[in-house]
Amino acid sequence: MPYPDREESRIVKKKKSLRSYIDPSVCAGCKTCYLNCPREAVKIIKKGIFSGAICQVDREICVGCGVCAKFCITGAITLE
């Protein structure tokens, strides 16, 4: 039973927001994530001459939908 004269303290757990992360050591540079991100949160930060592009997720734009991870052929993208 709550006490009206006491301040009620509640523990409110904040839901953790997941965002995509691209591991550059696993990424093949195919740009599939870049082409399929519905929010355009994946940015190309470096274009390789002999290798593919190096992509990075802008975590301020990313909503954690996981579309990029679904299309990633190497499994370089995780939701953290």
N, C-alpha and C. Protein backbone atom coordinates (compact mmCIF):
# COMPACT_ATOMS: atom_id res chain seq x y z
N MET A 1 0.85 -1.18 0.00
CA MET A 1 0.00 0.00 0.00
C MET A 1 0.90 1.24 0.00
N PRO A 2 0.66 2.17 -0.91
CA PRO A 2 1.51 3.36 -0.96
C PRO A 2 1.23 4.31 0.20
N TYR A 3 2.25 4.99 0.63
CA TYR A 3 2.15 5.96 1.70
C TYR A 3 2.08 7.35 1.09
N PRO A 4 0.99 8.07 1.29
CA PRO A 4 0.83 9.38 0.65
C PRO A 4 1.81 10.43 1.16
N ASP A 5 2.34 10.26 2.37
CA ASP A 5 3.25 11.26 2.91
C ASP A 5 4.72 11.01 2.53
N ARG A 6 4.98 9.90 1.85
CA ARG A 6 6.35 9.60 1.43
C ARG A 6 6.45 9.72 -0.08
N GLU A 7 7.62 10.15 -0.49
CA GLU A 7 7.86 10.22 -1.93
C GLU A 7 8.10 8.80 -2.43
N GLU A 8 7.33 8.43 -3.41
CA GLU A 8 7.45 7.08 -3.95
C GLU A 8 8.66 7.01 -4.88
N SER A 9 9.51 6.05 -4.63
CA SER A 9 10.67 5.89 -5.51
C SER A 9 10.44 4.66 -6.39
N ARG A 10 10.63 4.85 -7.67
CA ARG A 10 10.46 3.78 -8.63
C ARG A 10 11.74 3.61 -9.43
N ILE A 11 12.00 2.40 -9.75
CA ILE A 11 13.11 2.12 -10.64
C ILE A 11 12.53 1.98 -12.04
N VAL A 12 12.94 2.87 -12.90
CA VAL A 12 12.45 2.85 -14.27
C VAL A 12 13.61 2.45 -15.16
N LYS A 13 13.45 1.32 -15.81
CA LYS A 13 14.50 0.87 -16.72
C LYS A 13 14.29 1.51 -18.08
N LYS A 14 15.32 2.13 -18.54
CA LYS A 14 15.27 2.74 -19.86
C LYS A 14 15.56 1.66 -20.89
N LYS A 15 14.73 1.60 -21.89
CA LYS A 15 14.93 0.63 -22.95
C LYS A 15 16.19 1.00 -23.72
N LYS A 16 17.08 0.03 -23.85
CA LYS A 16 18.34 0.27 -24.54
C LYS A 16 18.08 0.38 -26.04
N SER A 17 18.56 1.44 -26.62
CA SER A 17 18.41 1.65 -28.05
C SER A 17 19.56 0.99 -28.77
N LEU A 18 19.25 0.07 -29.64
CA LEU A 18 20.27 -0.60 -30.43
C LEU A 18 20.57 0.21 -31.69
N ARG A 19 21.83 0.21 -32.05
CA ARG A 19 22.27 0.87 -33.27
C ARG A 19 23.21 -0.07 -34.00
N SER A 20 23.29 0.07 -35.30
CA SER A 20 24.15 -0.79 -36.11
C SER A 20 25.61 -0.37 -35.96
N TYR A 21 26.48 -1.37 -36.04
CA TYR A 21 27.92 -1.14 -36.01
C TYR A 21 28.54 -2.00 -37.10
N ILE A 22 29.40 -1.41 -37.92
CA ILE A 22 30.09 -2.15 -38.97
C ILE A 22 31.53 -2.40 -38.53
N ASP A 23 31.91 -3.66 -38.49
CA ASP A 23 33.28 -4.03 -38.15
C ASP A 23 34.12 -3.93 -39.42
N PRO A 24 35.00 -2.94 -39.52
CA PRO A 24 35.77 -2.74 -40.75
C PRO A 24 36.72 -3.89 -41.07
N SER A 25 37.09 -4.69 -40.08
CA SER A 25 37.99 -5.81 -40.35
C SER A 25 37.27 -6.99 -41.00
N VAL A 26 35.94 -7.00 -40.95
CA VAL A 26 35.15 -8.07 -41.54
C VAL A 26 34.46 -7.60 -42.83
N CYS A 27 34.23 -6.32 -42.94
CA CYS A 27 33.50 -5.73 -44.07
C CYS A 27 34.23 -6.00 -45.40
N ALA A 28 33.46 -6.41 -46.41
CA ALA A 28 34.01 -6.68 -47.75
C ALA A 28 34.02 -5.43 -48.62
N GLY A 29 33.37 -4.38 -48.18
CA GLY A 29 33.33 -3.14 -48.95
C GLY A 29 32.38 -3.18 -50.13
N CYS A 30 31.36 -4.00 -50.06
CA CYS A 30 30.43 -4.17 -51.18
C CYS A 30 29.38 -3.05 -51.28
N LYS A 31 29.20 -2.29 -50.23
CA LYS A 31 28.25 -1.17 -50.15
C LYS A 31 26.78 -1.60 -50.14
N THR A 32 26.52 -2.88 -49.89
CA THR A 32 25.14 -3.35 -49.82
C THR A 32 24.39 -2.66 -48.69
N CYS A 33 25.06 -2.46 -47.57
CA CYS A 33 24.43 -1.78 -46.43
C CYS A 33 24.09 -0.34 -46.79
N TYR A 34 25.01 0.30 -47.47
CA TYR A 34 24.84 1.69 -47.90
C TYR A 34 23.63 1.81 -48.85
N LEU A 35 23.50 0.87 -49.74
CA LEU A 35 22.43 0.92 -50.74
C LEU A 35 21.06 0.55 -50.17
N ASN A 36 21.02 -0.20 -49.06
CA ASN A 36 19.75 -0.68 -48.53
C ASN A 36 19.26 0.01 -47.26
N CYS A 37 20.06 0.87 -46.67
CA CYS A 37 19.64 1.54 -45.44
C CYS A 37 18.49 2.51 -45.73
N PRO A 38 17.32 2.28 -45.12
CA PRO A 38 16.17 3.15 -45.38
C PRO A 38 16.31 4.56 -44.81
N ARG A 39 17.20 4.74 -43.84
CA ARG A 39 17.39 6.05 -43.21
C ARG A 39 18.64 6.78 -43.72
N GLU A 40 19.37 6.13 -44.64
CA GLU A 40 20.62 6.68 -45.17
C GLU A 40 21.61 6.99 -44.04
N ALA A 41 21.66 6.07 -43.07
CA ALA A 41 22.55 6.23 -41.93
C ALA A 41 23.95 5.68 -42.21
N VAL A 42 24.10 4.88 -43.26
CA VAL A 42 25.40 4.31 -43.60
C VAL A 42 26.11 5.29 -44.54
N LYS A 43 27.30 5.66 -44.15
CA LYS A 43 28.10 6.61 -44.93
C LYS A 43 29.37 5.94 -45.42
N ILE A 44 29.80 6.30 -46.62
CA ILE A 44 31.08 5.82 -47.14
C ILE A 44 32.14 6.80 -46.66
N ILE A 45 33.07 6.29 -45.86
CA ILE A 45 34.09 7.18 -45.31
C ILE A 45 35.40 7.11 -46.07
N LYS A 46 35.57 6.05 -46.86
CA LYS A 46 36.79 5.94 -47.65
C LYS A 46 36.51 5.02 -48.84
N LYS A 47 36.94 5.44 -49.99
CA LYS A 47 36.80 4.61 -51.18
C LYS A 47 38.17 4.04 -51.51
N GLY A 48 38.26 2.73 -51.46
CA GLY A 48 39.53 2.08 -51.74
C GLY A 48 39.80 1.99 -53.23
N ILE A 49 41.07 1.98 -53.61
CA ILE A 49 41.44 1.86 -55.02
C ILE A 49 41.34 0.40 -55.44
N PHE A 50 41.92 -0.49 -54.64
CA PHE A 50 41.92 -1.91 -54.98
C PHE A 50 40.90 -2.71 -54.18
N SER A 51 40.45 -2.15 -53.11
CA SER A 51 39.45 -2.83 -52.28
C SER A 51 38.15 -2.04 -52.34
N GLY A 52 37.13 -2.57 -51.69
CA GLY A 52 35.85 -1.89 -51.67
C GLY A 52 35.85 -0.67 -50.77
N ALA A 53 34.69 -0.12 -50.61
CA ALA A 53 34.54 1.07 -49.77
C ALA A 53 34.58 0.69 -48.29
N ILE A 54 34.92 1.66 -47.49
CA ILE A 54 34.84 1.49 -46.04
C ILE A 54 33.64 2.31 -45.58
N CYS A 55 32.69 1.63 -44.97
CA CYS A 55 31.46 2.29 -44.55
C CYS A 55 31.40 2.39 -43.03
N GLN A 56 30.62 3.35 -42.59
CA GLN A 56 30.43 3.58 -41.16
C GLN A 56 28.99 4.01 -40.93
N VAL A 57 28.42 3.60 -39.82
CA VAL A 57 27.04 3.97 -39.49
C VAL A 57 27.04 5.25 -38.67
N ASP A 58 26.23 6.21 -39.10
CA ASP A 58 26.03 7.43 -38.31
C ASP A 58 25.00 7.08 -37.25
N ARG A 59 25.46 6.89 -36.02
CA ARG A 59 24.61 6.41 -34.95
C ARG A 59 23.56 7.44 -34.50
N GLU A 60 23.69 8.67 -34.94
CA GLU A 60 22.67 9.68 -34.64
C GLU A 60 21.47 9.53 -35.57
N ILE A 61 21.70 8.99 -36.76
CA ILE A 61 20.63 8.81 -37.75
C ILE A 61 20.02 7.42 -37.65
N CYS A 62 20.84 6.44 -37.33
CA CYS A 62 20.43 5.04 -37.28
C CYS A 62 19.32 4.85 -36.24
N VAL A 63 18.29 4.09 -36.64
CA VAL A 63 17.19 3.80 -35.72
C VAL A 63 17.22 2.35 -35.24
N GLY A 64 18.23 1.59 -35.69
CA GLY A 64 18.38 0.21 -35.25
C GLY A 64 17.41 -0.76 -35.87
N CYS A 65 16.98 -0.50 -37.10
CA CYS A 65 16.00 -1.38 -37.75
C CYS A 65 16.61 -2.71 -38.19
N GLY A 66 17.93 -2.75 -38.41
CA GLY A 66 18.62 -3.99 -38.76
C GLY A 66 18.60 -4.36 -40.23
N VAL A 67 18.08 -3.50 -41.08
CA VAL A 67 18.03 -3.79 -42.52
C VAL A 67 19.44 -3.98 -43.08
N CYS A 68 20.35 -3.13 -42.68
CA CYS A 68 21.72 -3.23 -43.18
C CYS A 68 22.35 -4.56 -42.78
N ALA A 69 22.11 -5.00 -41.54
CA ALA A 69 22.66 -6.27 -41.06
C ALA A 69 22.05 -7.45 -41.81
N LYS A 70 20.78 -7.33 -42.16
CA LYS A 70 20.10 -8.40 -42.89
C LYS A 70 20.73 -8.60 -44.27
N PHE A 71 21.10 -7.52 -44.92
CA PHE A 71 21.66 -7.59 -46.27
C PHE A 71 23.17 -7.83 -46.30
N CYS A 72 23.85 -7.70 -45.17
CA CYS A 72 25.31 -7.83 -45.14
C CYS A 72 25.72 -9.27 -45.44
N ILE A 73 26.53 -9.45 -46.47
CA ILE A 73 26.93 -10.78 -46.90
C ILE A 73 28.03 -11.39 -46.03
N THR A 74 28.77 -10.57 -45.30
CA THR A 74 29.89 -11.06 -44.50
C THR A 74 29.56 -11.13 -43.01
N GLY A 75 28.43 -10.59 -42.60
CA GLY A 75 28.09 -10.57 -41.18
C GLY A 75 28.88 -9.53 -40.40
N ALA A 76 29.35 -8.49 -41.09
CA ALA A 76 30.16 -7.45 -40.45
C ALA A 76 29.33 -6.49 -39.62
N ILE A 77 28.03 -6.53 -39.76
CA ILE A 77 27.17 -5.55 -39.08
C ILE A 77 26.44 -6.21 -37.92
N THR A 78 26.57 -5.61 -36.76
CA THR A 78 25.86 -6.07 -35.58
C THR A 78 25.06 -4.92 -34.99
N LEU A 79 24.06 -5.26 -34.23
CA LEU A 79 23.28 -4.25 -33.52
C LEU A 79 23.79 -4.21 -32.08
N GLU A 80 24.26 -3.05 -31.67
CA GLU A 80 24.81 -2.88 -30.32
C GLU A 80 24.10 -1.77 -29.59
